[in-house]
Every structure is written in structure tokens, then in C-alpha cells.
Amino acid sequence: MSRIIRTEPSPVLSKAVEYHGFVYTMGVVALDPEGDITAQTKDVLAQLDALLETHGTDNTRLLQAHIWLKNITDRSALNAVWTAWLPDGLAPVRACVQAELADPRYLVEIMLTACR
């Protein structure tokens, strides 16, 4: 039986789960929800970098991204940070939608699937 690796599991969720070389992250929000969309997106991507590194992978191995925005009009600002963060030619498949997030101060939440 293949081993399932859970990063920092709690009663509600794990920060990431690895199985058969695939890494699934939780939906990550900014540690400081007072920042604007650019600051929050940079914060989220830094946290995702750390989670991916914990599992021996990085943003060159992304397969899929789910992005939730409080306001879809922030998409251009998000994309400016997102495209600067992604290596050229290695964008994953992606969905980006407007949603009501858990705390009204959160402007963006991102969840990734990557491989090792």
C-alpha cells in the first residue's frame, strides 16, 4: 500500500497531502489579511513555495491551480504577480473565480496540485 504523507494535519485539514508523487495543497490565504490584492497574492505564493519545498517540489512542477478572488476585478493585479512567479512556459491548468471567502478581509485564496 502506498504511503500518504500529510503536512501539519489538524482535525479539519492538512496543509498539504502527498500521494504517489502528487502534492495537493490546502487553499492558502494571506497571513496578513490587511494587505491589498498584490500583497496578499505575494504572501500566498510565498506560503505555497514553502509547502511545495517541504514535499520536494516547486512551481516548475505545477499541474493545476484553483484561485478564488473576493472580487473578480482584481484578476489583472493577481495575474501580474502570478505570471511573475511562474517560470516561463510552465503555467498549470487553472480556474479563477469570484467567491465569498471565509473572512471578508481575504482577497485571494489559492490551492495547487503539483508533482514531485
PDB file of N, CA and C in Angstrom:
ATOM      1  N   MET A   1       0.839  -1.182   0.000  1.00  0.00           N
ATOM      2  CA  MET A   1       0.000   0.000   0.000  1.00  0.00           C
ATOM      3  C   MET A   1       0.883   1.244   0.000  1.00  0.00           C
ATOM      4  N   SER A   2       0.544   2.201  -0.823  1.00  0.00           N
ATOM      5  CA  SER A   2       1.312   3.437  -0.916  1.00  0.00           C
ATOM      6  C   SER A   2       1.082   4.307   0.312  1.00  0.00           C
ATOM      7  N   ARG A   3       2.122   5.001   0.688  1.00  0.00           N
ATOM      8  CA  ARG A   3       2.087   5.870   1.862  1.00  0.00           C
ATOM      9  C   ARG A   3       1.478   7.227   1.516  1.00  0.00           C
ATOM     10  N   ILE A   4       0.635   7.733   2.404  1.00  0.00           N
ATOM     11  CA  ILE A   4       0.076   9.073   2.278  1.00  0.00           C
ATOM     12  C   ILE A   4       0.794   9.946   3.297  1.00  0.00           C
ATOM     13  N   ILE A   5       1.373  11.046   2.837  1.00  0.00           N
ATOM     14  CA  ILE A   5       2.094  11.967   3.714  1.00  0.00           C
ATOM     15  C   ILE A   5       1.230  13.214   3.903  1.00  0.00           C
ATOM     16  N   ARG A   6       0.931  13.528   5.171  1.00  0.00           N
ATOM     17  CA  ARG A   6       0.112  14.703   5.484  1.00  0.00           C
ATOM     18  C   ARG A   6       0.970  15.725   6.215  1.00  0.00           C
ATOM     19  N   THR A   7       0.979  16.950   5.740  1.00  0.00           N
ATOM     20  CA  THR A   7       1.755  18.028   6.340  1.00  0.00           C
ATOM     21  C   THR A   7       0.884  18.800   7.322  1.00  0.00           C
ATOM     22  N   GLU A   8       1.321  18.834   8.563  1.00  0.00           N
ATOM     23  CA  GLU A   8       0.643  19.571   9.632  1.00  0.00           C
ATOM     24  C   GLU A   8      -0.862  19.309   9.659  1.00  0.00           C
ATOM     25  N   PRO A   9      -1.268  18.045   9.810  1.00  0.00           N
ATOM     26  CA  PRO A   9      -2.701  17.759   9.860  1.00  0.00           C
ATOM     27  C   PRO A   9      -3.341  18.314  11.131  1.00  0.00           C
ATOM     28  N   SER A  10      -4.562  18.783  10.978  1.00  0.00           N
ATOM     29  CA  SER A  10      -5.374  19.222  12.109  1.00  0.00           C
ATOM     30  C   SER A  10      -6.674  18.425  12.041  1.00  0.00           C
ATOM     31  N   PRO A  11      -7.572  18.634  12.980  1.00  0.00           N
ATOM     32  CA  PRO A  11      -8.854  17.927  12.889  1.00  0.00           C
ATOM     33  C   PRO A  11      -9.663  18.300  11.641  1.00  0.00           C
ATOM     34  N   VAL A  12      -9.364  19.466  11.058  1.00  0.00           N
ATOM     35  CA  VAL A  12     -10.148  19.958   9.921  1.00  0.00           C
ATOM     36  C   VAL A  12      -9.469  19.715   8.575  1.00  0.00           C
ATOM     37  N   LEU A  13      -8.146  19.929   8.504  1.00  0.00           N
ATOM     38  CA  LEU A  13      -7.441  19.813   7.229  1.00  0.00           C
ATOM     39  C   LEU A  13      -5.953  19.632   7.449  1.00  0.00           C
ATOM     40  N   SER A  14      -5.266  19.254   6.393  1.00  0.00           N
ATOM     41  CA  SER A  14      -3.801  19.229   6.360  1.00  0.00           C
ATOM     42  C   SER A  14      -3.359  20.365   5.451  1.00  0.00           C
ATOM     43  N   LYS A  15      -2.159  20.897   5.712  1.00  0.00           N
ATOM     44  CA  LYS A  15      -1.655  21.966   4.840  1.00  0.00           C
ATOM     45  C   LYS A  15      -1.355  21.435   3.444  1.00  0.00           C
ATOM     46  N   ALA A  16      -0.935  20.180   3.376  1.00  0.00           N
ATOM     47  CA  ALA A  16      -0.695  19.524   2.087  1.00  0.00           C
ATOM     48  C   ALA A  16      -0.796  18.019   2.301  1.00  0.00           C
ATOM     49  N   VAL A  17      -1.087  17.315   1.224  1.00  0.00           N
ATOM     50  CA  VAL A  17      -1.126  15.863   1.230  1.00  0.00           C
ATOM     51  C   VAL A  17      -0.359  15.384   0.012  1.00  0.00           C
ATOM     52  N   GLU A  18       0.524  14.417   0.235  1.00  0.00           N
ATOM     53  CA  GLU A  18       1.287  13.835  -0.875  1.00  0.00           C
ATOM     54  C   GLU A  18       0.932  12.361  -1.005  1.00  0.00           C
ATOM     55  N   TYR A  19       0.706  11.948  -2.255  1.00  0.00           N
ATOM     56  CA  TYR A  19       0.366  10.551  -2.527  1.00  0.00           C
ATOM     57  C   TYR A  19       0.839  10.208  -3.936  1.00  0.00           C
ATOM     58  N   HIS A  20       1.597   9.134  -4.061  1.00  0.00           N
ATOM     59  CA  HIS A  20       2.113   8.685  -5.366  1.00  0.00           C
ATOM     60  C   HIS A  20       2.841   9.792  -6.122  1.00  0.00           C
ATOM     61  N   GLY A  21       3.565  10.653  -5.407  1.00  0.00           N
ATOM     62  CA  GLY A  21       4.335  11.708  -6.051  1.00  0.00           C
ATOM     63  C   GLY A  21       3.547  12.945  -6.431  1.00  0.00           C
ATOM     64  N   PHE A  22       2.261  12.966  -6.097  1.00  0.00           N
ATOM     65  CA  PHE A  22       1.435  14.141  -6.325  1.00  0.00           C
ATOM     66  C   PHE A  22       1.264  14.885  -5.007  1.00  0.00           C
ATOM     67  N   VAL A  23       1.317  16.206  -5.063  1.00  0.00           N
ATOM     68  CA  VAL A  23       1.179  17.050  -3.881  1.00  0.00           C
ATOM     69  C   VAL A  23      -0.043  17.935  -4.070  1.00  0.00           C
ATOM     70  N   TYR A  24      -0.934  17.876  -3.090  1.00  0.00           N
ATOM     71  CA  TYR A  24      -2.162  18.659  -3.100  1.00  0.00           C
ATOM     72  C   TYR A  24      -2.093  19.627  -1.923  1.00  0.00           C
ATOM     73  N   THR A  25      -2.192  20.916  -2.182  1.00  0.00           N
ATOM     74  CA  THR A  25      -2.135  21.881  -1.091  1.00  0.00           C
ATOM     75  C   THR A  25      -3.538  22.273  -0.644  1.00  0.00           C
ATOM     76  N   MET A  26      -3.595  22.775   0.578  1.00  0.00           N
ATOM     77  CA  MET A  26      -4.841  23.373   1.051  1.00  0.00           C
ATOM     78  C   MET A  26      -5.060  24.683   0.294  1.00  0.00           C
ATOM     79  N   GLY A  27      -6.229  25.266   0.437  1.00  0.00           N
ATOM     80  CA  GLY A  27      -6.447  26.609  -0.057  1.00  0.00           C
ATOM     81  C   GLY A  27      -5.704  27.563   0.866  1.00  0.00           C
ATOM     82  N   VAL A  28      -4.761  28.315   0.322  1.00  0.00           N
ATOM     83  CA  VAL A  28      -3.908  29.193   1.132  1.00  0.00           C
ATOM     84  C   VAL A  28      -4.387  30.631   1.002  1.00  0.00           C
ATOM     85  N   VAL A  29      -4.509  31.290   2.153  1.00  0.00           N
ATOM     86  CA  VAL A  29      -4.857  32.715   2.214  1.00  0.00           C
ATOM     87  C   VAL A  29      -3.707  33.468   2.864  1.00  0.00           C
ATOM     88  N   ALA A  30      -3.731  34.770   2.754  1.00  0.00           N
ATOM     89  CA  ALA A  30      -2.655  35.611   3.286  1.00  0.00           C
ATOM     90  C   ALA A  30      -2.579  35.515   4.808  1.00  0.00           C
ATOM     91  N   LEU A  31      -1.355  35.525   5.327  1.00  0.00           N
ATOM     92  CA  LEU A  31      -1.156  35.576   6.774  1.00  0.00           C
ATOM     93  C   LEU A  31      -1.585  36.935   7.320  1.00  0.00           C
ATOM     94  N   ASP A  32      -1.403  37.976   6.506  1.00  0.00           N
ATOM     95  CA  ASP A  32      -1.829  39.325   6.880  1.00  0.00           C
ATOM     96  C   ASP A  32      -2.965  39.739   5.947  1.00  0.00           C
ATOM     97  N   PRO A  33      -4.206  39.622   6.403  1.00  0.00           N
ATOM     98  CA  PRO A  33      -5.335  39.931   5.526  1.00  0.00           C
ATOM     99  C   PRO A  33      -5.587  41.424   5.333  1.00  0.00           C
ATOM    100  N   GLU A  34      -4.725  42.270   5.857  1.00  0.00           N
ATOM    101  CA  GLU A  34      -4.918  43.721   5.714  1.00  0.00           C
ATOM    102  C   GLU A  34      -4.302  44.273   4.434  1.00  0.00           C
ATOM    103  N   GLY A  35      -3.462  43.481   3.752  1.00  0.00           N
ATOM    104  CA  GLY A  35      -2.809  43.944   2.537  1.00  0.00           C
ATOM    105  C   GLY A  35      -3.754  44.015   1.348  1.00  0.00           C
ATOM    106  N   ASP A  36      -3.308  44.701   0.294  1.00  0.00           N
ATOM    107  CA  ASP A  36      -4.093  44.753  -0.941  1.00  0.00           C
ATOM    108  C   ASP A  36      -3.915  43.447  -1.711  1.00  0.00           C
ATOM    109  N   ILE A  37      -4.548  43.343  -2.866  1.00  0.00           N
ATOM    110  CA  ILE A  37      -4.503  42.093  -3.643  1.00  0.00           C
ATOM    111  C   ILE A  37      -3.074  41.713  -4.015  1.00  0.00           C
ATOM    112  N   THR A  38      -2.232  42.673  -4.344  1.00  0.00           N
ATOM    113  CA  THR A  38      -0.844  42.372  -4.696  1.00  0.00           C
ATOM    114  C   THR A  38      -0.100  41.808  -3.501  1.00  0.00           C
ATOM    115  N   ALA A  39      -0.216  42.448  -2.359  1.00  0.00           N
ATOM    116  CA  ALA A  39       0.462  41.976  -1.148  1.00  0.00           C
ATOM    117  C   ALA A  39      -0.052  40.603  -0.729  1.00  0.00           C
ATOM    118  N   GLN A  40      -1.363  40.417  -0.762  1.00  0.00           N
ATOM    119  CA  GLN A  40      -1.920  39.124  -0.359  1.00  0.00           C
ATOM    120  C   GLN A  40      -1.504  38.012  -1.324  1.00  0.00           C
ATOM    121  N   THR A  41      -1.479  38.296  -2.612  1.00  0.00           N
ATOM    122  CA  THR A  41      -1.076  37.272  -3.586  1.00  0.00           C
ATOM    123  C   THR A  41       0.386  36.885  -3.379  1.00  0.00           C
ATOM    124  N   LYS A  42       1.261  37.857  -3.162  1.00  0.00           N
ATOM    125  CA  LYS A  42       2.676  37.553  -2.898  1.00  0.00           C
ATOM    126  C   LYS A  42       2.825  36.712  -1.641  1.00  0.00           C
ATOM    127  N   ASP A  43       2.073  37.036  -0.599  1.00  0.00           N
ATOM    128  CA  ASP A  43       2.083  36.285   0.654  1.00  0.00           C
ATOM    129  C   ASP A  43       1.654  34.835   0.420  1.00  0.00           C
ATOM    130  N   VAL A  44       0.555  34.658  -0.287  1.00  0.00           N
ATOM    131  CA  VAL A  44       0.032  33.320  -0.578  1.00  0.00           C
ATOM    132  C   VAL A  44       1.046  32.508  -1.387  1.00  0.00           C
ATOM    133  N   LEU A  45       1.630  33.100  -2.407  1.00  0.00           N
ATOM    134  CA  LEU A  45       2.587  32.370  -3.243  1.00  0.00           C
ATOM    135  C   LEU A  45       3.846  32.008  -2.459  1.00  0.00           C
ATOM    136  N   ALA A  46       4.284  32.859  -1.542  1.00  0.00           N
ATOM    137  CA  ALA A  46       5.432  32.529  -0.692  1.00  0.00           C
ATOM    138  C   ALA A  46       5.103  31.335   0.203  1.00  0.00           C
ATOM    139  N   GLN A  47       3.904  31.303   0.747  1.00  0.00           N
ATOM    140  CA  GLN A  47       3.497  30.163   1.566  1.00  0.00           C
ATOM    141  C   GLN A  47       3.429  28.884   0.726  1.00  0.00           C
ATOM    142  N   LEU A  48       2.913  29.010  -0.491  1.00  0.00           N
ATOM    143  CA  LEU A  48       2.843  27.843  -1.373  1.00  0.00           C
ATOM    144  C   LEU A  48       4.233  27.358  -1.763  1.00  0.00           C
ATOM    145  N   ASP A  49       5.162  28.287  -2.007  1.00  0.00           N
ATOM    146  CA  ASP A  49       6.556  27.890  -2.269  1.00  0.00           C
ATOM    147  C   ASP A  49       7.082  27.026  -1.127  1.00  0.00           C
ATOM    148  N   ALA A  50       6.832  27.440   0.102  1.00  0.00           N
ATOM    149  CA  ALA A  50       7.312  26.699   1.272  1.00  0.00           C
ATOM    150  C   ALA A  50       6.657  25.320   1.368  1.00  0.00           C
ATOM    151  N   LEU A  51       5.359  25.243   1.114  1.00  0.00           N
ATOM    152  CA  LEU A  51       4.683  23.944   1.148  1.00  0.00           C
ATOM    153  C   LEU A  51       5.220  23.009   0.079  1.00  0.00           C
ATOM    154  N   LEU A  52       5.393  23.536  -1.130  1.00  0.00           N
ATOM    155  CA  LEU A  52       5.928  22.713  -2.216  1.00  0.00           C
ATOM    156  C   LEU A  52       7.342  22.233  -1.880  1.00  0.00           C
ATOM    157  N   GLU A  53       8.160  23.118  -1.332  1.00  0.00           N
ATOM    158  CA  GLU A  53       9.529  22.749  -0.961  1.00  0.00           C
ATOM    159  C   GLU A  53       9.533  21.645   0.095  1.00  0.00           C
ATOM    160  N   THR A  54       8.628  21.707   1.046  1.00  0.00           N
ATOM    161  CA  THR A  54       8.510  20.669   2.068  1.00  0.00           C
ATOM    162  C   THR A  54       8.333  19.295   1.429  1.00  0.00           C
ATOM    163  N   HIS A  55       7.677  19.266   0.286  1.00  0.00           N
ATOM    164  CA  HIS A  55       7.406  17.998  -0.398  1.00  0.00           C
ATOM    165  C   HIS A  55       8.360  17.745  -1.563  1.00  0.00           C
ATOM    166  N   GLY A  56       9.457  18.487  -1.612  1.00  0.00           N
ATOM    167  CA  GLY A  56      10.479  18.219  -2.617  1.00  0.00           C
ATOM    168  C   GLY A  56      10.106  18.619  -4.026  1.00  0.00           C
ATOM    169  N   THR A  57       9.289  19.641  -4.156  1.00  0.00           N
ATOM    170  CA  THR A  57       8.912  20.104  -5.486  1.00  0.00           C
ATOM    171  C   THR A  57       8.870  21.630  -5.489  1.00  0.00           C
ATOM    172  N   ASP A  58       8.463  22.208  -6.606  1.00  0.00           N
ATOM    173  CA  ASP A  58       8.418  23.667  -6.704  1.00  0.00           C
ATOM    174  C   ASP A  58       7.450  24.079  -7.809  1.00  0.00           C
ATOM    175  N   ASN A  59       7.428  25.373  -8.110  1.00  0.00           N
ATOM    176  CA  ASN A  59       6.454  25.877  -9.082  1.00  0.00           C
ATOM    177  C   ASN A  59       6.780  25.518 -10.535  1.00  0.00           C
ATOM    178  N   THR A  60       7.856  24.790 -10.781  1.00  0.00           N
ATOM    179  CA  THR A  60       8.115  24.277 -12.138  1.00  0.00           C
ATOM    180  C   THR A  60       7.357  22.971 -12.377  1.00  0.00           C
ATOM    181  N   ARG A  61       6.735  22.420 -11.325  1.00  0.00           N
ATOM    182  CA  ARG A  61       6.075  21.110 -11.407  1.00  0.00           C
ATOM    183  C   ARG A  61       4.575  21.202 -11.140  1.00  0.00           C
ATOM    184  N   LEU A  62       4.006  22.388 -11.347  1.00  0.00           N
ATOM    185  CA  LEU A  62       2.578  22.577 -11.099  1.00  0.00           C
ATOM    186  C   LEU A  62       1.740  21.915 -12.186  1.00  0.00           C
ATOM    187  N   LEU A  63       0.638  21.300 -11.771  1.00  0.00           N
ATOM    188  CA  LEU A  63      -0.298  20.690 -12.707  1.00  0.00           C
ATOM    189  C   LEU A  63      -1.605  21.471 -12.788  1.00  0.00           C
ATOM    190  N   GLN A  64      -2.074  21.950 -11.627  1.00  0.00           N
ATOM    191  CA  GLN A  64      -3.390  22.576 -11.572  1.00  0.00           C
ATOM    192  C   GLN A  64      -3.417  23.634 -10.480  1.00  0.00           C
ATOM    193  N   ALA A  65      -4.181  24.692 -10.721  1.00  0.00           N
ATOM    194  CA  ALA A  65      -4.380  25.744  -9.718  1.00  0.00           C
ATOM    195  C   ALA A  65      -5.857  26.123  -9.676  1.00  0.00           C
ATOM    196  N   HIS A  66      -6.349  26.293  -8.451  1.00  0.00           N
ATOM    197  CA  HIS A  66      -7.688  26.824  -8.215  1.00  0.00           C
ATOM    198  C   HIS A  66      -7.494  28.147  -7.500  1.00  0.00           C
ATOM    199  N   ILE A  67      -8.065  29.204  -8.035  1.00  0.00           N
ATOM    200  CA  ILE A  67      -7.907  30.530  -7.439  1.00  0.00           C
ATOM    201  C   ILE A  67      -9.292  31.130  -7.214  1.00  0.00           C
ATOM    202  N   TRP A  68      -9.503  31.589  -5.982  1.00  0.00           N
ATOM    203  CA  TRP A  68     -10.735  32.266  -5.624  1.00  0.00           C
ATOM    204  C   TRP A  68     -10.401  33.712  -5.292  1.00  0.00           C
ATOM    205  N   LEU A  69     -11.122  34.631  -5.888  1.00  0.00           N
ATOM    206  CA  LEU A  69     -10.955  36.065  -5.637  1.00  0.00           C
ATOM    207  C   LEU A  69     -12.214  36.619  -4.992  1.00  0.00           C
ATOM    208  N   LYS A  70     -12.040  37.498  -4.027  1.00  0.00           N
ATOM    209  CA  LYS A  70     -13.195  38.177  -3.434  1.00  0.00           C
ATOM    210  C   LYS A  70     -13.893  39.012  -4.492  1.00  0.00           C
ATOM    211  N   ASN A  71     -13.090  39.635  -5.348  1.00  0.00           N
ATOM    212  CA  ASN A  71     -13.636  40.493  -6.394  1.00  0.00           C
ATOM    213  C   ASN A  71     -12.917  40.164  -7.702  1.00  0.00           C
ATOM    214  N   ILE A  72     -13.635  39.698  -8.685  1.00  0.00           N
ATOM    215  CA  ILE A  72     -13.034  39.282  -9.952  1.00  0.00           C
ATOM    216  C   ILE A  72     -12.327  40.436 -10.658  1.00  0.00           C
ATOM    217  N   THR A  73     -12.648  41.668 -10.308  1.00  0.00           N
ATOM    218  CA  THR A  73     -11.951  42.804 -10.919  1.00  0.00           C
ATOM    219  C   THR A  73     -10.488  42.874 -10.468  1.00  0.00           C
ATOM    220  N   ASP A  74     -10.118  42.103  -9.449  1.00  0.00           N
ATOM    221  CA  ASP A  74      -8.718  42.019  -9.007  1.00  0.00           C
ATOM    222  C   ASP A  74      -7.891  41.039  -9.849  1.00  0.00           C
ATOM    223  N   ARG A  75      -8.517  40.439 -10.838  1.00  0.00           N
ATOM    224  CA  ARG A  75      -7.842  39.413 -11.645  1.00  0.00           C
ATOM    225  C   ARG A  75      -6.576  39.928 -12.328  1.00  0.00           C
ATOM    226  N   SER A  76      -6.609  41.122 -12.866  1.00  0.00           N
ATOM    227  CA  SER A  76      -5.423  41.670 -13.539  1.00  0.00           C
ATOM    228  C   SER A  76      -4.260  41.845 -12.566  1.00  0.00           C
ATOM    229  N   ALA A  77      -4.539  42.370 -11.380  1.00  0.00           N
ATOM    230  CA  ALA A  77      -3.483  42.545 -10.376  1.00  0.00           C
ATOM    231  C   ALA A  77      -2.948  41.190  -9.915  1.00  0.00           C
ATOM    232  N   LEU A  78      -3.837  40.231  -9.710  1.00  0.00           N
ATOM    233  CA  LEU A  78      -3.422  38.864  -9.361  1.00  0.00           C
ATOM    234  C   LEU A  78      -2.530  38.301 -10.465  1.00  0.00           C
ATOM    235  N   ASN A  79      -2.967  38.427 -11.712  1.00  0.00           N
ATOM    236  CA  ASN A  79      -2.214  37.868 -12.835  1.00  0.00           C
ATOM    237  C   ASN A  79      -0.818  38.480 -12.964  1.00  0.00           C
ATOM    238  N   ALA A  80      -0.665  39.740 -12.615  1.00  0.00           N
ATOM    239  CA  ALA A  80       0.656  40.374 -12.678  1.00  0.00           C
ATOM    240  C   ALA A  80       1.626  39.688 -11.724  1.00  0.00           C
ATOM    241  N   VAL A  81       1.168  39.387 -10.524  1.00  0.00           N
ATOM    242  CA  VAL A  81       2.019  38.694  -9.539  1.00  0.00           C
ATOM    243  C   VAL A  81       2.180  37.229  -9.930  1.00  0.00           C
ATOM    244  N   TRP A  82       1.099  36.590 -10.334  1.00  0.00           N
ATOM    245  CA  TRP A  82       1.093  35.169 -10.708  1.00  0.00           C
ATOM    246  C   TRP A  82       2.064  34.893 -11.859  1.00  0.00           C
ATOM    247  N   THR A  83       1.997  35.697 -12.923  1.00  0.00           N
ATOM    248  CA  THR A  83       2.859  35.446 -14.080  1.00  0.00           C
ATOM    249  C   THR A  83       4.332  35.733 -13.767  1.00  0.00           C
ATOM    250  N   ALA A  84       4.598  36.693 -12.884  1.00  0.00           N
ATOM    251  CA  ALA A  84       5.985  36.948 -12.465  1.00  0.00           C
ATOM    252  C   ALA A  84       6.522  35.780 -11.642  1.00  0.00           C
ATOM    253  N   TRP A  85       5.652  35.104 -10.910  1.00  0.00           N
ATOM    254  CA  TRP A  85       6.035  33.972 -10.052  1.00  0.00           C
ATOM    255  C   TRP A  85       6.241  32.686 -10.849  1.00  0.00           C
ATOM    256  N   LEU A  86       5.466  32.504 -11.906  1.00  0.00           N
ATOM    257  CA  LEU A  86       5.557  31.270 -12.705  1.00  0.00           C
ATOM    258  C   LEU A  86       6.765  31.286 -13.629  1.00  0.00           C
ATOM    259  N   PRO A  87       7.466  30.155 -13.732  1.00  0.00           N
ATOM    260  CA  PRO A  87       8.530  30.059 -14.739  1.00  0.00           C
ATOM    261  C   PRO A  87       7.918  30.125 -16.153  1.00  0.00           C
ATOM    262  N   ASP A  88       8.626  30.742 -17.074  1.00  0.00           N
ATOM    263  CA  ASP A  88       8.138  30.876 -18.453  1.00  0.00           C
ATOM    264  C   ASP A  88       7.767  29.527 -19.045  1.00  0.00           C
ATOM    265  N   GLY A  89       6.591  29.470 -19.648  1.00  0.00           N
ATOM    266  CA  GLY A  89       6.151  28.280 -20.363  1.00  0.00           C
ATOM    267  C   GLY A  89       5.689  27.140 -19.480  1.00  0.00           C
ATOM    268  N   LEU A  90       5.580  27.336 -18.158  1.00  0.00           N
ATOM    269  CA  LEU A  90       5.234  26.235 -17.261  1.00  0.00           C
ATOM    270  C   LEU A  90       3.947  26.487 -16.480  1.00  0.00           C
ATOM    271  N   ALA A  91       3.033  27.237 -17.062  1.00  0.00           N
ATOM    272  CA  ALA A  91       1.766  27.507 -16.386  1.00  0.00           C
ATOM    273  C   ALA A  91       0.927  26.232 -16.277  1.00  0.00           C
ATOM    274  N   PRO A  92       0.287  26.031 -15.122  1.00  0.00           N
ATOM    275  CA  PRO A  92      -0.606  24.880 -14.962  1.00  0.00           C
ATOM    276  C   PRO A  92      -1.976  25.182 -15.567  1.00  0.00           C
ATOM    277  N   VAL A  93      -2.840  24.176 -15.633  1.00  0.00           N
ATOM    278  CA  VAL A  93      -4.240  24.477 -15.918  1.00  0.00           C
ATOM    279  C   VAL A  93      -4.760  25.255 -14.717  1.00  0.00           C
ATOM    280  N   ARG A  94      -5.773  26.098 -14.938  1.00  0.00           N
ATOM    281  CA  ARG A  94      -6.171  26.980 -13.849  1.00  0.00           C
ATOM    282  C   ARG A  94      -7.632  27.370 -13.968  1.00  0.00           C
ATOM    283  N   ALA A  95      -8.255  27.507 -12.809  1.00  0.00           N
ATOM    284  CA  ALA A  95      -9.578  28.122 -12.710  1.00  0.00           C
ATOM    285  C   ALA A  95      -9.434  29.324 -11.792  1.00  0.00           C
ATOM    286  N   CYS A  96     -10.105  30.411 -12.135  1.00  0.00           N
ATOM    287  CA  CYS A  96     -10.060  31.627 -11.321  1.00  0.00           C
ATOM    288  C   CYS A  96     -11.477  32.184 -11.287  1.00  0.00           C
ATOM    289  N   VAL A  97     -12.064  32.192 -10.096  1.00  0.00           N
ATOM    290  CA  VAL A  97     -13.456  32.610  -9.971  1.00  0.00           C
ATOM    291  C   VAL A  97     -13.628  33.584  -8.805  1.00  0.00           C
ATOM    292  N   GLN A  98     -14.715  34.299  -8.835  1.00  0.00           N
ATOM    293  CA  GLN A  98     -15.088  35.168  -7.721  1.00  0.00           C
ATOM    294  C   GLN A  98     -15.842  34.326  -6.702  1.00  0.00           C
ATOM    295  N   ALA A  99     -15.531  34.544  -5.416  1.00  0.00           N
ATOM    296  CA  ALA A  99     -16.182  33.769  -4.361  1.00  0.00           C
ATOM    297  C   ALA A  99     -16.200  34.556  -3.063  1.00  0.00           C
ATOM    298  N   GLU A 100     -17.125  34.195  -2.199  1.00  0.00           N
ATOM    299  CA  GLU A 100     -17.148  34.744  -0.852  1.00  0.00           C
ATOM    300  C   GLU A 100     -16.190  33.901  -0.019  1.00  0.00           C
ATOM    301  N   LEU A 101     -15.150  34.533   0.521  1.00  0.00           N
ATOM    302  CA  LEU A 101     -14.135  33.806   1.280  1.00  0.00           C
ATOM    303  C   LEU A 101     -14.488  33.798   2.764  1.00  0.00           C
ATOM    304  N   ALA A 102     -13.788  32.971   3.535  1.00  0.00           N
ATOM    305  CA  ALA A 102     -14.116  32.740   4.941  1.00  0.00           C
ATOM    306  C   ALA A 102     -14.074  34.002   5.798  1.00  0.00           C
ATOM    307  N   ASP A 103     -13.180  34.906   5.479  1.00  0.00           N
ATOM    308  CA  ASP A 103     -13.047  36.175   6.207  1.00  0.00           C
ATOM    309  C   ASP A 103     -13.147  37.275   5.159  1.00  0.00           C
ATOM    310  N   PRO A 104     -13.981  38.288   5.365  1.00  0.00           N
ATOM    311  CA  PRO A 104     -14.154  39.320   4.339  1.00  0.00           C
ATOM    312  C   PRO A 104     -12.885  40.119   4.030  1.00  0.00           C
ATOM    313  N   ARG A 105     -11.861  40.018   4.885  1.00  0.00           N
ATOM    314  CA  ARG A 105     -10.600  40.712   4.612  1.00  0.00           C
ATOM    315  C   ARG A 105      -9.740  39.952   3.601  1.00  0.00           C
ATOM    316  N   TYR A 106      -9.990  38.657   3.436  1.00  0.00           N
ATOM    317  CA  TYR A 106      -9.226  37.877   2.455  1.00  0.00           C
ATOM    318  C   TYR A 106      -9.652  38.272   1.046  1.00  0.00           C
ATOM    319  N   LEU A 107      -8.673  38.529   0.203  1.00  0.00           N
ATOM    320  CA  LEU A 107      -8.947  38.921  -1.175  1.00  0.00           C
ATOM    321  C   LEU A 107      -8.670  37.805  -2.166  1.00  0.00           C
ATOM    322  N   VAL A 108      -7.853  36.801  -1.754  1.00  0.00           N
ATOM    323  CA  VAL A 108      -7.469  35.727  -2.663  1.00  0.00           C
ATOM    324  C   VAL A 108      -7.179  34.452  -1.858  1.00  0.00           C
ATOM    325  N   GLU A 109      -7.520  33.328  -2.446  1.00  0.00           N
ATOM    326  CA  GLU A 109      -7.176  32.009  -1.911  1.00  0.00           C
ATOM    327  C   GLU A 109      -6.720  31.161  -3.077  1.00  0.00           C
ATOM    328  N   ILE A 110      -5.611  30.439  -2.902  1.00  0.00           N
ATOM    329  CA  ILE A 110      -5.064  29.619  -3.991  1.00  0.00           C
ATOM    330  C   ILE A 110      -4.779  28.217  -3.472  1.00  0.00           C
ATOM    331  N   MET A 111      -5.147  27.228  -4.274  1.00  0.00           N
ATOM    332  CA  MET A 111      -4.928  25.809  -3.985  1.00  0.00           C
ATOM    333  C   MET A 111      -4.221  25.200  -5.197  1.00  0.00           C
ATOM    334  N   LEU A 112      -3.164  24.433  -4.955  1.00  0.00           N
ATOM    335  CA  LEU A 112      -2.356  23.870  -6.047  1.00  0.00           C
ATOM    336  C   LEU A 112      -2.307  22.347  -6.000  1.00  0.00           C
ATOM    337  N   THR A 113      -2.110  21.776  -7.181  1.00  0.00           N
ATOM    338  CA  THR A 113      -1.719  20.378  -7.318  1.00  0.00           C
ATOM    339  C   THR A 113      -0.406  20.384  -8.104  1.00  0.00           C
ATOM    340  N   ALA A 114       0.576  19.658  -7.567  1.00  0.00           N
ATOM    341  CA  ALA A 114       1.892  19.572  -8.219  1.00  0.00           C
ATOM    342  C   ALA A 114       2.362  18.116  -8.181  1.00  0.00           C
ATOM    343  N   CYS A 115       3.431  17.843  -8.884  1.00  0.00           N
ATOM    344  CA  CYS A 115       4.053  16.527  -8.798  1.00  0.00           C
ATOM    345  C   CYS A 115       5.501  16.710  -8.380  1.00  0.00           C
ATOM    346  N   ARG A 116       6.065  15.645  -7.856  1.00  0.00           N
ATOM    347  CA  ARG A 116       7.455  15.686  -7.413  1.00  0.00           C
ATOM    348  C   ARG A 116       8.389  15.548  -8.595  1.00  0.00           C
TER     349      ARG A 116
END
